C-alpha atoms as a PDB file:
ATOM      1  CA  MET A   1     -13.588  -9.438  -3.468  1.00  0.00           C
ATOM      2  CA  ASN A   2     -14.095 -12.843  -4.222  1.00  0.00           C
ATOM      3  CA  SER A   3     -16.955 -13.561  -7.390  1.00  0.00           C
ATOM      4  CA  HIS A   4     -16.555 -17.713  -6.664  1.00  0.00           C
ATOM      5  CA  HIS A   5     -19.936 -18.025  -4.995  1.00  0.00           C
ATOM      6  CA  LYS A   6     -18.108 -19.816  -1.778  1.00  0.00           C
ATOM      7  CA  PRO A   7     -15.172 -19.756  -0.453  1.00  0.00           C
ATOM      8  CA  PHE A   8     -12.273 -22.095  -1.732  1.00  0.00           C
ATOM      9  CA  ARG A   9     -11.550 -24.467   0.771  1.00  0.00           C
ATOM     10  CA  VAL A  10      -8.179 -25.827   1.405  1.00  0.00           C
ATOM     11  CA  VAL A  11      -6.504 -27.607   4.359  1.00  0.00           C
ATOM     12  CA  GLY A  12      -3.499 -26.720   6.344  1.00  0.00           C
ATOM     13  CA  ALA A  13      -1.911 -31.025   5.688  1.00  0.00           C
ATOM     14  CA  TYR A  14       1.342 -30.075   6.639  1.00  0.00           C
ATOM     15  CA  ALA A  15       0.040 -29.900  10.531  1.00  0.00           C
ATOM     16  CA  ALA A  16      -1.044 -33.457  10.571  1.00  0.00           C
ATOM     17  CA  GLN A  17       1.516 -35.098   8.173  1.00  0.00           C
ATOM     18  CA  PRO A  18       3.437 -38.286   8.844  1.00  0.00           C
ATOM     19  CA  ASP A  19       6.912 -38.515   9.733  1.00  0.00           C
ATOM     20  CA  THR A  20       8.060 -40.703   6.664  1.00  0.00           C
ATOM     21  CA  ALA A  21       7.312 -39.704   2.672  1.00  0.00           C
ATOM     22  CA  ALA A  22       5.463 -43.191   1.658  1.00  0.00           C
ATOM     23  CA  GLU A  23       3.085 -42.419   4.306  1.00  0.00           C
ATOM     24  CA  ARG A  24       3.394 -38.572   3.275  1.00  0.00           C
ATOM     25  CA  ARG A  25       2.325 -38.861  -0.495  1.00  0.00           C
ATOM     26  CA  ALA A  26      -0.644 -41.457   0.873  1.00  0.00           C
ATOM     27  CA  TYR A  27      -1.797 -38.962   3.156  1.00  0.00           C
ATOM     28  CA  LEU A  28      -1.964 -35.978   1.117  1.00  0.00           C
ATOM     29  CA  GLU A  29      -3.745 -37.869  -1.912  1.00  0.00           C
ATOM     30  CA  GLY A  30      -6.575 -38.734   1.173  1.00  0.00           C
ATOM     31  CA  VAL A  31      -6.473 -35.305   2.467  1.00  0.00           C
ATOM     32  CA  LEU A  32      -6.990 -33.922  -1.331  1.00  0.00           C
ATOM     33  CA  SER A  33      -9.936 -36.338  -1.833  1.00  0.00           C
ATOM     34  CA  LEU A  34     -11.833 -35.197   1.134  1.00  0.00           C
ATOM     35  CA  PRO A  35     -15.539 -33.909  -0.655  1.00  0.00           C
ATOM     36  CA  GLY A  36     -15.190 -30.346  -0.422  1.00  0.00           C
ATOM     37  CA  VAL A  37     -11.278 -30.103  -0.503  1.00  0.00           C
ATOM     38  CA  ASP A  38      -9.598 -27.204  -3.651  1.00  0.00           C
ATOM     39  CA  GLY A  39      -6.489 -27.657  -2.101  1.00  0.00           C
ATOM     40  CA  LEU A  40      -3.510 -27.437   0.517  1.00  0.00           C
ATOM     41  CA  GLU A  41      -2.195 -24.567   2.907  1.00  0.00           C
ATOM     42  CA  ILE A  42       1.342 -25.244   1.527  1.00  0.00           C
ATOM     43  CA  SER A  43       4.085 -24.311   4.077  1.00  0.00           C
ATOM     44  CA  TRP A  44       6.585 -22.960   2.349  1.00  0.00           C
ATOM     45  CA  GLY A  45       9.809 -22.759   2.637  1.00  0.00           C
ATOM     46  CA  ALA A  46       9.169 -24.150   6.174  1.00  0.00           C
ATOM     47  CA  PRO A  47      11.993 -26.793   7.103  1.00  0.00           C
ATOM     48  CA  GLY A  48      11.707 -30.121   4.990  1.00  0.00           C
ATOM     49  CA  TRP A  49      10.400 -28.121   1.979  1.00  0.00           C
ATOM     50  CA  ASP A  50      12.704 -29.442  -0.560  1.00  0.00           C
ATOM     51  CA  GLU A  51      11.474 -32.900   0.095  1.00  0.00           C
ATOM     52  CA  ASP A  52       7.716 -31.708   0.503  1.00  0.00           C
ATOM     53  CA  GLU A  53       8.196 -29.674  -2.800  1.00  0.00           C
ATOM     54  CA  ARG A  54       9.252 -33.032  -4.661  1.00  0.00           C
ATOM     55  CA  LEU A  55       6.167 -34.812  -2.870  1.00  0.00           C
ATOM     56  CA  LEU A  56       3.766 -32.154  -4.319  1.00  0.00           C
ATOM     57  CA  ALA A  57       5.240 -32.120  -7.397  1.00  0.00           C
ATOM     58  CA  ALA A  58       4.714 -35.289  -8.224  1.00  0.00           C
ATOM     59  CA  LEU A  59       1.536 -35.240  -6.472  1.00  0.00           C
ATOM     60  CA  PHE A  60      -0.099 -33.024  -8.503  1.00  0.00           C
ATOM     61  CA  ASP A  61       1.334 -34.087 -11.382  1.00  0.00           C
ATOM     62  CA  SER A  62      -0.446 -36.941 -11.587  1.00  0.00           C
ATOM     63  CA  ARG A  63      -3.749 -35.399 -10.028  1.00  0.00           C
ATOM     64  CA  GLY A  64      -3.775 -32.995 -12.864  1.00  0.00           C
ATOM     65  CA  ALA A  65      -4.457 -29.383 -13.463  1.00  0.00           C
ATOM     66  CA  GLN A  66      -7.110 -28.626 -10.019  1.00  0.00           C
ATOM     67  CA  GLY A  67      -5.329 -27.503  -7.574  1.00  0.00           C
ATOM     68  CA  ARG A  68      -6.742 -23.981  -5.950  1.00  0.00           C
ATOM     69  CA  HIS A  69      -3.608 -23.596  -2.662  1.00  0.00           C
ATOM     70  CA  VAL A  70      -2.145 -21.426  -0.601  1.00  0.00           C
ATOM     71  CA  LEU A  71       1.296 -20.828   0.418  1.00  0.00           C
ATOM     72  CA  THR A  72       1.541 -20.096   4.293  1.00  0.00           C
ATOM     73  CA  LEU A  73       5.357 -18.308   4.957  1.00  0.00           C
ATOM     74  CA  ILE A  74       5.083 -18.637   8.771  1.00  0.00           C
ATOM     75  CA  GLY A  75       7.155 -22.169   8.981  1.00  0.00           C
ATOM     76  CA  ALA A  76      10.001 -20.473   7.024  1.00  0.00           C
ATOM     77  CA  SER A  77       9.217 -16.738   8.633  1.00  0.00           C
ATOM     78  CA  ALA A  78       9.513 -18.050  12.265  1.00  0.00           C
ATOM     79  CA  ILE A  79      12.292 -20.410  10.860  1.00  0.00           C
ATOM     80  CA  ALA A  80      14.406 -16.554   9.967  1.00  0.00           C
ATOM     81  CA  ALA A  81      13.006 -14.529  12.997  1.00  0.00           C
ATOM     82  CA  ALA A  82      14.358 -17.250  15.395  1.00  0.00           C
ATOM     83  CA  ALA A  83      17.633 -17.223  13.898  1.00  0.00           C
ATOM     84  CA  ASP A  84      17.745 -13.218  14.217  1.00  0.00           C
ATOM     85  CA  PRO A  85      15.281 -11.355  15.842  1.00  0.00           C
ATOM     86  CA  ARG A  86      16.087  -8.952  13.523  1.00  0.00           C
ATOM     87  CA  VAL A  87      14.156 -10.306  10.402  1.00  0.00           C
ATOM     88  CA  GLY A  88      10.893  -9.620   9.763  1.00  0.00           C
ATOM     89  CA  LEU A  89       8.465  -7.344   7.400  1.00  0.00           C
ATOM     90  CA  ALA A  90       7.428  -5.599  10.551  1.00  0.00           C
ATOM     91  CA  SER A  91      11.516  -5.185  11.481  1.00  0.00           C
ATOM     92  CA  THR A  92      11.971  -1.440  12.440  1.00  0.00           C
ATOM     93  CA  ASP A  93      15.824  -2.676  11.396  1.00  0.00           C
ATOM     94  CA  PRO A  94      16.554  -2.096   7.537  1.00  0.00           C
ATOM     95  CA  ALA A  95      18.585  -4.933   7.039  1.00  0.00           C
ATOM     96  CA  GLY A  96      16.148  -7.514   9.064  1.00  0.00           C
ATOM     97  CA  ARG A  97      13.182  -6.150   7.077  1.00  0.00           C
ATOM     98  CA  ALA A  98      15.244  -6.363   3.610  1.00  0.00           C
ATOM     99  CA  ARG A  99      16.351  -9.984   4.322  1.00  0.00           C
ATOM    100  CA  ALA A 100      12.313 -10.772   5.303  1.00  0.00           C
ATOM    101  CA  ILE A 101      11.334  -9.024   1.831  1.00  0.00           C
ATOM    102  CA  GLU A 102      14.040 -10.850  -0.227  1.00  0.00           C
ATOM    103  CA  LEU A 103      11.651 -14.231   1.908  1.00  0.00           C
ATOM    104  CA  VAL A 104       8.310 -13.371   0.001  1.00  0.00           C
ATOM    105  CA  ALA A 105      10.499 -12.706  -3.169  1.00  0.00           C
ATOM    106  CA  ALA A 106      11.670 -15.878  -3.396  1.00  0.00           C
ATOM    107  CA  ALA A 107       7.752 -17.760  -2.788  1.00  0.00           C
ATOM    108  CA  HIS A 108       6.837 -15.048  -5.476  1.00  0.00           C
ATOM    109  CA  ARG A 109       9.085 -16.846  -7.899  1.00  0.00           C
ATOM    110  CA  ALA A 110       8.165 -19.844  -6.593  1.00  0.00           C
ATOM    111  CA  ILE A 111       4.448 -19.049  -7.793  1.00  0.00           C
ATOM    112  CA  ALA A 112       5.631 -19.816 -11.470  1.00  0.00           C
ATOM    113  CA  GLY A 113       6.405 -23.447 -10.393  1.00  0.00           C
ATOM    114  CA  PHE A 114       3.192 -24.117  -9.241  1.00  0.00           C
ATOM    115  CA  ALA A 115       1.335 -22.484 -12.207  1.00  0.00           C
ATOM    116  CA  ALA A 116       3.500 -24.644 -15.026  1.00  0.00           C
ATOM    117  CA  ARG A 117       1.518 -27.552 -13.277  1.00  0.00           C
ATOM    118  CA  GLY A 118      -1.407 -25.902 -13.736  1.00  0.00           C
ATOM    119  CA  GLN A 119      -2.184 -25.121  -9.330  1.00  0.00           C
ATOM    120  CA  ARG A 120      -3.295 -21.393  -8.960  1.00  0.00           C
ATOM    121  CA  ILE A 121      -2.234 -20.191  -5.855  1.00  0.00           C
ATOM    122  CA  LEU A 122      -5.248 -18.470  -4.704  1.00  0.00           C
ATOM    123  CA  ALA A 123      -3.097 -16.676  -1.869  1.00  0.00           C
ATOM    124  CA  VAL A 124       0.192 -16.290  -0.023  1.00  0.00           C
ATOM    125  CA  GLU A 125       0.300 -15.787   3.606  1.00  0.00           C
ATOM    126  CA  VAL A 126       2.339 -13.231   4.632  1.00  0.00           C
ATOM    127  CA  HIS A 127       3.318 -12.487   9.104  1.00  0.00           C
ATOM    128  CA  ALA A 128       4.757  -9.367  10.624  1.00  0.00           C
ATOM    129  CA  PHE A 129       7.644 -10.859  12.716  1.00  0.00           C
ATOM    130  CA  PRO A 130       9.600 -10.622  13.937  1.00  0.00           C
ATOM    131  CA  THR A 131       8.055 -10.374  18.355  1.00  0.00           C
ATOM    132  CA  LEU A 132       8.363  -6.700  19.374  1.00  0.00           C
ATOM    133  CA  SER A 133       7.620  -4.992  22.154  1.00  0.00           C
ATOM    134  CA  PRO A 134       4.411  -3.367  23.178  1.00  0.00           C
ATOM    135  CA  ALA A 135       6.276   0.307  23.085  1.00  0.00           C
ATOM    136  CA  ALA A 136       6.709  -0.054  19.730  1.00  0.00           C
ATOM    137  CA  ALA A 137       4.247  -1.534  17.737  1.00  0.00           C
ATOM    138  CA  GLY A 138       3.195   1.783  16.296  1.00  0.00           C
ATOM    139  CA  GLU A 139       6.814   1.779  14.645  1.00  0.00           C
ATOM    140  CA  GLY A 140       7.320  -1.807  13.452  1.00  0.00           C
ATOM    141  CA  GLY A 141       3.110  -1.376  12.015  1.00  0.00           C
ATOM    142  CA  HIS A 142       5.052   2.055   9.864  1.00  0.00           C
ATOM    143  CA  ALA A 143       7.778  -1.277   8.738  1.00  0.00           C
ATOM    144  CA  LEU A 144       4.759  -3.272   7.953  1.00  0.00           C
ATOM    145  CA  GLU A 145       3.593  -0.962   5.384  1.00  0.00           C
ATOM    146  CA  THR A 146       6.678   0.159   3.876  1.00  0.00           C
ATOM    147  CA  SER A 147       7.017  -3.865   3.409  1.00  0.00           C
ATOM    148  CA  LEU A 148       3.652  -4.112   1.823  1.00  0.00           C
ATOM    149  CA  ARG A 149       4.246  -1.014  -0.615  1.00  0.00           C
ATOM    150  CA  GLU A 150       6.855  -2.925  -1.733  1.00  0.00           C
ATOM    151  CA  ILE A 151       6.054  -6.498  -2.404  1.00  0.00           C
ATOM    152  CA  ALA A 152       2.511  -5.526  -3.059  1.00  0.00           C
ATOM    153  CA  SER A 153       3.871  -3.419  -6.443  1.00  0.00           C
ATOM    154  CA  TRP A 154       5.674  -6.580  -7.607  1.00  0.00           C
ATOM    155  CA  ASP A 155       3.204  -8.564 -10.544  1.00  0.00           C
ATOM    156  CA  TRP A 156       1.674 -11.429  -8.288  1.00  0.00           C
ATOM    157  CA  GLY A 157      -1.003 -12.405 -11.336  1.00  0.00           C
ATOM    158  CA  ASP A 158      -3.960 -13.773  -9.974  1.00  0.00           C
ATOM    159  CA  THR A 159      -2.674 -13.874  -6.440  1.00  0.00           C
ATOM    160  CA  THR A 160      -3.877 -12.217  -3.386  1.00  0.00           C
ATOM    161  CA  LEU A 161      -1.440 -11.159  -0.936  1.00  0.00           C
ATOM    162  CA  VAL A 162      -2.727 -11.861   2.540  1.00  0.00           C
ATOM    163  CA  VAL A 163      -1.684 -10.549   6.332  1.00  0.00           C
ATOM    164  CA  GLU A 164      -2.603 -13.396   8.109  1.00  0.00           C
ATOM    165  CA  HIS A 165      -2.924 -12.674  11.891  1.00  0.00           C
ATOM    166  CA  CYS A 166      -1.267 -14.057  15.306  1.00  0.00           C
ATOM    167  CA  ASP A 167      -1.374 -13.257  18.778  1.00  0.00           C
ATOM    168  CA  ALA A 168       0.443 -10.128  19.752  1.00  0.00           C
ATOM    169  CA  ARG A 169       2.596  -9.697  22.299  1.00  0.00           C
ATOM    170  CA  PRO A 170       0.449  -8.280  25.107  1.00  0.00           C
ATOM    171  CA  VAL A 171       2.019  -5.340  27.671  1.00  0.00           C
ATOM    172  CA  ALA A 172       2.523  -8.267  30.554  1.00  0.00           C
ATOM    173  CA  GLY A 173       2.115 -11.889  30.466  1.00  0.00           C
ATOM    174  CA  PRO A 174       2.924 -14.655  27.752  1.00  0.00           C
ATOM    175  CA  TRP A 175       2.741 -14.876  24.451  1.00  0.00           C
ATOM    176  CA  GLN A 176       3.366 -17.437  21.576  1.00  0.00           C
ATOM    177  CA  LYS A 177       3.933 -15.447  18.227  1.00  0.00           C
ATOM    178  CA  GLY A 178       4.010 -12.232  20.075  1.00  0.00           C
ATOM    179  CA  LEU A 179       3.184 -10.424  16.513  1.00  0.00           C
ATOM    180  CA  LEU A 180       1.481  -6.722  16.267  1.00  0.00           C
ATOM    181  CA  PRO A 181      -2.066  -6.403  17.511  1.00  0.00           C
ATOM    182  CA  LEU A 182      -4.805  -6.320  15.088  1.00  0.00           C
ATOM    183  CA  ALA A 183      -5.736  -2.288  14.734  1.00  0.00           C
ATOM    184  CA  ILE A 184      -2.216  -1.688  14.265  1.00  0.00           C
ATOM    185  CA  GLU A 185      -1.908  -4.167  11.253  1.00  0.00           C
ATOM    186  CA  SER A 186      -5.029  -3.610   9.684  1.00  0.00           C
ATOM    187  CA  ALA A 187      -3.918  -0.259   9.291  1.00  0.00           C
ATOM    188  CA  ALA A 188      -0.956  -1.087   7.503  1.00  0.00           C
ATOM    189  CA  VAL A 189      -2.496  -3.200   5.184  1.00  0.00           C
ATOM    190  CA  THR A 190      -4.899  -0.502   4.564  1.00  0.00           C
ATOM    191  CA  ALA A 191      -2.620   2.095   3.561  1.00  0.00           C
ATOM    192  CA  ALA A 192      -0.465  -0.439   1.405  1.00  0.00           C
ATOM    193  CA  ALA A 193      -3.949  -1.492   0.021  1.00  0.00           C
ATOM    194  CA  ALA A 194      -4.405   1.856  -1.613  1.00  0.00           C
ATOM    195  CA  ALA A 195      -1.473   2.048  -3.826  1.00  0.00           C
ATOM    196  CA  ALA A 196      -1.514  -1.549  -4.441  1.00  0.00           C
ATOM    197  CA  ARG A 197      -0.872  -3.596  -8.270  1.00  0.00           C
ATOM    198  CA  THR A 198      -1.922  -6.713  -6.498  1.00  0.00           C
ATOM    199  CA  PRO A 199      -4.908  -7.132  -4.204  1.00  0.00           C
ATOM    200  CA  LEU A 200      -3.789  -7.273  -0.543  1.00  0.00           C
ATOM    201  CA  GLY A 201      -5.903  -8.308   2.694  1.00  0.00           C
ATOM    202  CA  MET A 202      -5.813 -10.102   6.012  1.00  0.00           C
ATOM    203  CA  ALA A 203      -7.218 -13.828   7.354  1.00  0.00           C
ATOM    204  CA  VAL A 204      -7.997 -15.048  10.510  1.00  0.00           C
ATOM    205  CA  ASN A 205      -6.119 -18.083  12.449  1.00  0.00           C
ATOM    206  CA  TRP A 206      -9.203 -19.433  14.709  1.00  0.00           C
ATOM    207  CA  GLY A 207      -6.412 -20.460  17.239  1.00  0.00           C
ATOM    208  CA  ARG A 208      -3.918 -18.369  16.609  1.00  0.00           C
ATOM    209  CA  SER A 209      -6.902 -15.461  17.888  1.00  0.00           C
ATOM    210  CA  ALA A 210      -8.356 -17.605  20.768  1.00  0.00           C
ATOM    211  CA  ILE A 211      -4.674 -17.952  22.116  1.00  0.00           C
ATOM    212  CA  GLU A 212      -4.517 -13.888  21.955  1.00  0.00           C
ATOM    213  CA  GLU A 213      -7.291 -13.106  24.016  1.00  0.00           C
ATOM    214  CA  ARG A 214      -7.147 -16.988  25.862  1.00  0.00           C
ATOM    215  CA  ASP A 215     -10.560 -16.360  25.148  1.00  0.00           C
ATOM    216  CA  ALA A 216     -12.847 -18.693  22.498  1.00  0.00           C
ATOM    217  CA  THR A 217     -15.200 -16.244  21.247  1.00  0.00           C
ATOM    218  CA  ALA A 218     -12.074 -13.906  19.765  1.00  0.00           C
ATOM    219  CA  PRO A 219     -11.748 -15.261  16.963  1.00  0.00           C
ATOM    220  CA  GLU A 220     -15.092 -14.235  15.798  1.00  0.00           C
ATOM    221  CA  ARG A 221     -14.762 -10.636  17.217  1.00  0.00           C
ATOM    222  CA  HIS A 222     -11.570  -9.983  14.904  1.00  0.00           C
ATOM    223  CA  ALA A 223     -13.145 -11.489  11.982  1.00  0.00           C
ATOM    224  CA  ARG A 224     -16.566  -9.085  12.663  1.00  0.00           C
ATOM    225  CA  TYR A 225     -13.547  -6.221  12.355  1.00  0.00           C
ATOM    226  CA  LEU A 226     -11.758  -7.154   9.341  1.00  0.00           C
ATOM    227  CA  ARG A 227     -15.004  -7.650   7.466  1.00  0.00           C
ATOM    228  CA  SER A 228     -16.341  -4.208   8.710  1.00  0.00           C
ATOM    229  CA  ALA A 229     -12.875  -2.793   8.014  1.00  0.00           C
ATOM    230  CA  GLY A 230     -12.735  -4.417   3.995  1.00  0.00           C
ATOM    231  CA  LEU A 231     -10.005  -6.590   4.627  1.00  0.00           C
ATOM    232  CA  LEU A 232     -11.413  -9.964   5.309  1.00  0.00           C
ATOM    233  CA  ARG A 233     -10.083 -12.367   2.767  1.00  0.00           C
ATOM    234  CA  GLY A 234      -9.536 -15.961   4.931  1.00  0.00           C
ATOM    235  CA  VAL A 235     -10.738 -17.925   8.041  1.00  0.00           C
ATOM    236  CA  MET A 236      -8.293 -20.881   8.927  1.00  0.00           C
ATOM    237  CA  PHE A 237      -9.738 -23.221  11.107  1.00  0.00           C
ATOM    238  CA  SER A 238      -6.904 -24.166  13.931  1.00  0.00           C
ATOM    239  CA  GLY A 239      -7.507 -24.911  17.351  1.00  0.00           C
ATOM    240  CA  ALA A 240      -6.734 -23.815  21.170  1.00  0.00           C
ATOM    241  CA  THR A 241      -6.369 -25.423  23.960  1.00  0.00           C
ATOM    242  CA  GLY A 242      -7.049 -24.219  27.173  1.00  0.00           C
ATOM    243  CA  ARG A 243      -5.865 -26.374  29.507  1.00  0.00           C
ATOM    244  CA  ASP A 244      -2.559 -28.933  29.374  1.00  0.00           C
ATOM    245  CA  GLY A 245      -3.134 -31.794  27.738  1.00  0.00           C
ATOM    246  CA  ALA A 246      -2.065 -34.610  24.978  1.00  0.00           C
ATOM    247  CA  TYR A 247      -1.410 -31.245  23.150  1.00  0.00           C
ATOM    248  CA  GLY A 248       1.015 -29.687  25.849  1.00  0.00           C
ATOM    249  CA  PRO A 249       0.174 -26.727  27.791  1.00  0.00           C
ATOM    250  CA  ALA A 250      -2.674 -24.848  27.542  1.00  0.00           C
ATOM    251  CA  TRP A 251      -2.727 -22.227  24.854  1.00  0.00           C
ATOM    252  CA  SER A 252       0.051 -23.077  22.672  1.00  0.00           C
ATOM    253  CA  ASP A 253      -0.476 -22.712  18.925  1.00  0.00           C
ATOM    254  CA  VAL A 254      -0.419 -26.292  18.092  1.00  0.00           C
ATOM    255  CA  HIS A 255      -3.335 -26.929  15.737  1.00  0.00           C
ATOM    256  CA  PRO A 256      -5.708 -29.057  17.785  1.00  0.00           C
ATOM    257  CA  PRO A 257      -9.199 -29.643  16.562  1.00  0.00           C
ATOM    258  CA  LEU A 258     -12.308 -29.612  17.698  1.00  0.00           C
ATOM    259  CA  ARG A 259     -13.491 -30.433  20.946  1.00  0.00           C
ATOM    260  CA  GLU A 260     -15.600 -33.090  20.570  1.00  0.00           C
ATOM    261  CA  GLN A 261     -12.759 -34.579  18.999  1.00  0.00           C
ATOM    262  CA  VAL A 262     -10.256 -33.301  21.674  1.00  0.00           C
ATOM    263  CA  GLY A 263     -11.557 -32.621  25.516  1.00  0.00           C
ATOM    264  CA  GLU A 264      -8.784 -29.761  25.933  1.00  0.00           C
ATOM    265  CA  SER A 265      -9.473 -27.942  22.995  1.00  0.00           C
ATOM    266  CA  VAL A 266     -11.734 -25.057  23.151  1.00  0.00           C
ATOM    267  CA  MET A 267     -13.214 -24.521  19.728  1.00  0.00           C
ATOM    268  CA  GLU A 268     -16.486 -26.312  19.330  1.00  0.00           C
ATOM    269  CA  ARG A 269     -18.800 -26.287  16.238  1.00  0.00           C
ATOM    270  CA  GLY A 270     -20.998 -23.743  17.923  1.00  0.00           C
ATOM    271  CA  HIS A 271     -17.655 -21.126  17.293  1.00  0.00           C
ATOM    272  CA  ILE A 272     -16.618 -22.123  13.713  1.00  0.00           C
ATOM    273  CA  ALA A 273     -20.453 -21.269  13.010  1.00  0.00           C
ATOM    274  CA  ALA A 274     -20.349 -18.107  14.873  1.00  0.00           C
ATOM    275  CA  THR A 275     -16.862 -16.948  13.325  1.00  0.00           C
ATOM    276  CA  LEU A 276     -18.283 -17.787   9.632  1.00  0.00           C
ATOM    277  CA  GLU A 277     -20.775 -15.619  10.256  1.00  0.00           C
ATOM    278  CA  ALA A 278     -19.086 -12.995  11.818  1.00  0.00           C
ATOM    279  CA  ALA A 279     -16.826 -13.239   8.540  1.00  0.00           C
ATOM    280  CA  GLY A 280     -19.831 -13.020   6.128  1.00  0.00           C
ATOM    281  CA  PRO A 281     -20.569 -14.067   2.125  1.00  0.00           C
ATOM    282  CA  ASP A 282     -16.445 -12.837   0.445  1.00  0.00           C
ATOM    283  CA  LEU A 283     -14.074 -14.800   1.589  1.00  0.00           C
ATOM    284  CA  LEU A 284     -11.879 -15.880  -1.012  1.00  0.00           C
ATOM    285  CA  TYR A 285     -10.948 -19.090   0.858  1.00  0.00           C
ATOM    286  CA  GLU A 286     -12.046 -20.938   4.295  1.00  0.00           C
ATOM    287  CA  GLY A 287      -9.781 -23.580   5.430  1.00  0.00           C
ATOM    288  CA  VAL A 288      -8.505 -26.318   8.131  1.00  0.00           C
ATOM    289  CA  LYS A 289      -5.475 -26.749   9.881  1.00  0.00           C
ATOM    290  CA  VAL A 290      -5.217 -29.501  12.493  1.00  0.00           C
ATOM    291  CA  GLY A 291      -2.348 -31.669  14.352  1.00  0.00           C
ATOM    292  CA  VAL A 292      -2.427 -34.594  15.585  1.00  0.00           C
ATOM    293  CA  ARG A 293      -1.736 -37.351  18.589  1.00  0.00           C
ATOM    294  CA  PRO A 294      -0.294 -39.092  19.555  1.00  0.00           C
ATOM    295  CA  ARG A 295       2.630 -38.592  16.246  1.00  0.00           C
ATOM    296  CA  GLN A 296       2.424 -41.655  15.618  1.00  0.00           C
ATOM    297  CA  ALA A 297      -1.251 -41.833  14.606  1.00  0.00           C
ATOM    298  CA  ASP A 298      -1.729 -43.768  11.049  1.00  0.00           C
ATOM    299  CA  THR A 299      -2.979 -42.109   8.085  1.00  0.00           C
ATOM    300  CA  ALA A 300      -7.082 -43.069   8.504  1.00  0.00           C
ATOM    301  CA  ASP A 301      -6.701 -41.113  12.079  1.00  0.00           C
ATOM    302  CA  ARG A 302      -5.268 -38.407  10.809  1.00  0.00           C
ATOM    303  CA  ILE A 303      -7.806 -37.226   8.096  1.00  0.00           C
ATOM    304  CA  ALA A 304     -10.015 -38.282  10.190  1.00  0.00           C
ATOM    305  CA  LEU A 305      -9.253 -35.414  12.466  1.00  0.00           C
ATOM    306  CA  ILE A 306      -9.340 -33.096   9.599  1.00  0.00           C
ATOM    307  CA  ARG A 307     -12.393 -34.420   8.288  1.00  0.00           C
ATOM    308  CA  GLY A 308     -14.169 -34.001  11.742  1.00  0.00           C
ATOM    309  CA  THR A 309     -13.347 -29.955  11.571  1.00  0.00           C
ATOM    310  CA  LEU A 310     -14.552 -30.421   8.017  1.00  0.00           C
ATOM    311  CA  ASP A 311     -17.417 -31.503   8.711  1.00  0.00           C
ATOM    312  CA  ALA A 312     -18.255 -28.573  11.331  1.00  0.00           C
ATOM    313  CA  LEU A 313     -17.856 -26.446   8.188  1.00  0.00           C
ATOM    314  CA  ASP A 314     -20.435 -28.206   6.182  1.00  0.00           C
ATOM    315  CA  ALA A 315     -22.715 -28.211   9.111  1.00  0.00           C
ATOM    316  CA  ALA A 316     -22.395 -25.096   9.530  1.00  0.00           C
ATOM    317  CA  ARG A 317     -22.562 -23.960   5.914  1.00  0.00           C
ATOM    318  CA  SER A 318     -25.713 -25.448   5.900  1.00  0.00           C
ATOM    319  CA  THR A 319     -27.219 -23.464   8.283  1.00  0.00           C
END
């Protein structure tokens, strides 16, 4: 469990980054200069990663060996599953599962490049793709366990493997990611962790948990559940919309900030405090990931949206 006196704090800055590389450099400098920020949640392997990798390498070289980051494979995994719905760590198709494991293997190899620049990768977030019908979820859970056993047998150094929970596919009605139910994911992680060479746990994404139940109190319940199972390693605060608005249709996975900043968001300061209380004192990391509207916003406005949610975390931690 985490021996650090408080969770490392990361920002999923990619969700609000400008389009041009020149603007992105100044924006990332601003994000990393925010008080209390230890590093980034980096969308490794997602579309545009080649350009982002070069930019981050130059940024890290200029800042020195001080970063503590999380790699998320959500973008790369979603793209792979969209191109071929058999691909995913929870796939019941052996070839599709093997392709998902190779994606994780590529991220595993990439960690050496971050280490060479003095950047520590705290965790790698993986996900229970592909979308499976509720009837196939149990079989998908067994496939996920098998995948996790394999990738957790590799030498990850001091990097923790984390399954980030996304909204589960319901028996009826809409979904966004539509992955495995929390109970099935947690059972797979618990079973795989028993024989794992490397630390293995789970994370809650506030917005995705709220989207799953269409309920702003769901994230704290999910955090409490995973904490009681001894699995909770991280919480990322990314909002959800309760009604249509500038961020699109209600309950879209588009990372709105606090309700105090965007009226259609259902994530309030009280929800952040309640979720942190449910999560307890032993998180490895906590973080913020918010999107921006309009997309043409200037750098100062982008950073202000991030800072607003960070301030809510600080207020919750100070009570």
